C-alpha atoms as a PDB file:
ATOM      1  CA  MET A   1       0.000   0.000   0.000  1.00  0.00           C
ATOM      2  CA  SER A   2       1.340   3.426  -0.889  1.00  0.00           C
ATOM      3  CA  LEU A   3       0.589   6.779   0.675  1.00  0.00           C
ATOM      4  CA  PHE A   4       0.020   9.987  -1.319  1.00  0.00           C
ATOM      5  CA  ILE A   5       0.556  13.221   0.591  1.00  0.00           C
ATOM      6  CA  ASN A   6      -1.431  16.092  -0.914  1.00  0.00           C
ATOM      7  CA  ALA A   7      -0.219  19.149   1.023  1.00  0.00           C
ATOM      8  CA  ARG A   8      -2.770  21.951   1.328  1.00  0.00           C
ATOM      9  CA  THR A   9      -2.527  25.686   1.850  1.00  0.00           C
ATOM     10  CA  ASP A  10      -5.575  27.869   2.442  1.00  0.00           C
ATOM     11  CA  VAL A  11      -4.186  31.304   1.555  1.00  0.00           C
ATOM     12  CA  TYR A  12      -6.960  31.800  -1.029  1.00  0.00           C
ATOM     13  CA  LEU A  13      -9.679  30.654   1.392  1.00  0.00           C
ATOM     14  CA  GLY A  14      -8.689  32.011   4.770  1.00  0.00           C
ATOM     15  CA  ARG A  15     -10.213  35.173   6.226  1.00  0.00           C
ATOM     16  CA  LYS A  16      -6.805  36.029   7.624  1.00  0.00           C
ATOM     17  CA  TYR A  17      -5.625  36.710   4.072  1.00  0.00           C
ATOM     18  CA  ALA A  18      -8.710  38.571   2.802  1.00  0.00           C
ATOM     19  CA  THR A  19      -6.974  41.957   2.951  1.00  0.00           C
ATOM     20  CA  TRP A  20      -3.779  40.753   1.300  1.00  0.00           C
ATOM     21  CA  SER A  21      -2.952  41.886  -2.209  1.00  0.00           C
ATOM     22  CA  ALA A  22      -2.923  39.396  -5.073  1.00  0.00           C
ATOM     23  CA  GLU A  23       0.878  39.558  -5.075  1.00  0.00           C
ATOM     24  CA  GLN A  24       1.090  38.829  -1.333  1.00  0.00           C
ATOM     25  CA  LYS A  25      -1.236  35.841  -1.697  1.00  0.00           C
ATOM     26  CA  PHE A  26       0.750  34.476  -4.625  1.00  0.00           C
ATOM     27  CA  ASP A  27       4.098  34.919  -2.888  1.00  0.00           C
ATOM     28  CA  GLU A  28       2.887  33.269   0.328  1.00  0.00           C
ATOM     29  CA  THR A  29       1.269  30.407  -1.560  1.00  0.00           C
ATOM     30  CA  LEU A  30       4.352  29.775  -3.672  1.00  0.00           C
ATOM     31  CA  GLN A  31       6.597  29.854  -0.610  1.00  0.00           C
ATOM     32  CA  ARG A  32       4.416  27.258   1.111  1.00  0.00           C
ATOM     33  CA  LEU A  33       4.132  25.024  -1.953  1.00  0.00           C
ATOM     34  CA  LEU A  34       7.886  25.012  -2.452  1.00  0.00           C
ATOM     35  CA  ALA A  35       8.364  24.136   1.238  1.00  0.00           C
ATOM     36  CA  PHE A  36       5.851  21.265   0.943  1.00  0.00           C
ATOM     37  CA  GLN A  37       7.626  20.070  -2.192  1.00  0.00           C
ATOM     38  CA  ALA A  38      11.010  20.164  -0.451  1.00  0.00           C
ATOM     39  CA  ALA A  39       9.552  18.293   2.524  1.00  0.00           C
ATOM     40  CA  GLY A  40       8.499  15.386   0.317  1.00  0.00           C
ATOM     41  CA  ALA A  41       4.838  15.986  -0.517  1.00  0.00           C
ATOM     42  CA  ASP A  42       3.459  14.121  -3.528  1.00  0.00           C
ATOM     43  CA  GLY A  43       0.903  16.736  -4.597  1.00  0.00           C
ATOM     44  CA  LEU A  44      -0.146  20.289  -3.769  1.00  0.00           C
ATOM     45  CA  PHE A  45      -3.666  21.578  -3.074  1.00  0.00           C
ATOM     46  CA  VAL A  46      -4.677  25.248  -3.232  1.00  0.00           C
ATOM     47  CA  PRO A  47      -8.427  25.464  -2.547  1.00  0.00           C
ATOM     48  CA  GLY A  48     -10.002  28.822  -3.303  1.00  0.00           C
ATOM     49  CA  LEU A  49      -7.587  29.636  -6.122  1.00  0.00           C
ATOM     50  CA  THR A  50      -9.716  30.630  -9.130  1.00  0.00           C
ATOM     51  CA  ASP A  51      -7.397  32.750 -11.276  1.00  0.00           C
ATOM     52  CA  LEU A  52      -6.172  30.820 -14.307  1.00  0.00           C
ATOM     53  CA  GLU A  53      -3.132  33.070 -14.765  1.00  0.00           C
ATOM     54  CA  VAL A  54      -2.048  32.479 -11.159  1.00  0.00           C
ATOM     55  CA  ILE A  55      -2.577  28.764 -11.648  1.00  0.00           C
ATOM     56  CA  LYS A  56      -0.324  28.861 -14.727  1.00  0.00           C
ATOM     57  CA  LYS A  57       2.366  30.758 -12.804  1.00  0.00           C
ATOM     58  CA  LEU A  58       2.284  28.184 -10.010  1.00  0.00           C
ATOM     59  CA  THR A  59       2.336  25.130 -12.261  1.00  0.00           C
ATOM     60  CA  SER A  60       5.244  26.549 -14.234  1.00  0.00           C
ATOM     61  CA  THR A  61       7.249  26.919 -11.010  1.00  0.00           C
ATOM     62  CA  ILE A  62       6.372  23.824  -8.980  1.00  0.00           C
ATOM     63  CA  LYS A  63       7.284  20.291  -9.976  1.00  0.00           C
ATOM     64  CA  LEU A  64       4.423  18.441  -8.272  1.00  0.00           C
ATOM     65  CA  PRO A  65       0.816  17.921  -9.417  1.00  0.00           C
ATOM     66  CA  LEU A  66      -1.470  20.840  -8.526  1.00  0.00           C
ATOM     67  CA  ASN A  67      -4.959  20.246  -7.151  1.00  0.00           C
ATOM     68  CA  VAL A  68      -7.659  22.979  -7.103  1.00  0.00           C
ATOM     69  CA  LEU A  69     -11.159  23.098  -5.651  1.00  0.00           C
ATOM     70  CA  ALA A  70     -14.095  22.638  -8.022  1.00  0.00           C
ATOM     71  CA  GLY A  71     -16.804  25.247  -8.365  1.00  0.00           C
ATOM     72  CA  GLY A  72     -18.848  27.248 -10.821  1.00  0.00           C
ATOM     73  CA  TRP A  73     -15.810  29.428 -11.518  1.00  0.00           C
ATOM     74  CA  ILE A  74     -14.348  26.647 -13.668  1.00  0.00           C
ATOM     75  CA  ASN A  75     -16.807  27.352 -16.489  1.00  0.00           C
ATOM     76  CA  GLY A  76     -15.686  30.979 -16.489  1.00  0.00           C
ATOM     77  CA  VAL A  77     -12.077  30.017 -17.233  1.00  0.00           C
ATOM     78  CA  GLY A  78     -12.887  27.573 -20.013  1.00  0.00           C
ATOM     79  CA  GLY A  79     -13.766  24.414 -18.131  1.00  0.00           C
ATOM     80  CA  LEU A  80     -11.706  21.433 -17.128  1.00  0.00           C
ATOM     81  CA  SER A  81      -9.775  21.414 -20.399  1.00  0.00           C
ATOM     82  CA  ALA A  82      -8.463  24.928 -19.677  1.00  0.00           C
ATOM     83  CA  LEU A  83      -7.372  23.812 -16.201  1.00  0.00           C
ATOM     84  CA  LYS A  84      -5.622  20.801 -17.679  1.00  0.00           C
ATOM     85  CA  GLU A  85      -3.816  23.036 -20.186  1.00  0.00           C
ATOM     86  CA  ALA A  86      -2.799  25.289 -17.287  1.00  0.00           C
ATOM     87  CA  GLY A  87      -1.169  22.311 -15.561  1.00  0.00           C
ATOM     88  CA  VAL A  88      -3.836  21.328 -13.032  1.00  0.00           C
ATOM     89  CA  ALA A  89      -3.632  17.613 -12.311  1.00  0.00           C
ATOM     90  CA  ARG A  90      -6.666  17.208 -10.056  1.00  0.00           C
ATOM     91  CA  VAL A  91      -9.934  19.022  -9.314  1.00  0.00           C
ATOM     92  CA  SER A  92     -11.608  18.204  -6.003  1.00  0.00           C
ATOM     93  CA  THR A  93     -15.070  18.737  -4.652  1.00  0.00           C
ATOM     94  CA  GLY A  94     -16.293  18.337  -1.088  1.00  0.00           C
END
């Protein structure tokens, strides 16, 4: 049996970060994802992230599969195929 560690950061969901600029959120998220990657995670999860350009920036920098949270916003960015093209490996729903 194998174990898959999907490390999660809630910068785009948390109230604590609501007043942060887009740049601050990106920088904090990237810093955390790179730390998770270095620590041995198998995948990275950023729920609340809905900006396709930010997703592309992250997937071009990280080496692990990126997981985002499903929602109606996906249709606004071109659907699942657009997310796949942007480098998203997994879309989750709760």
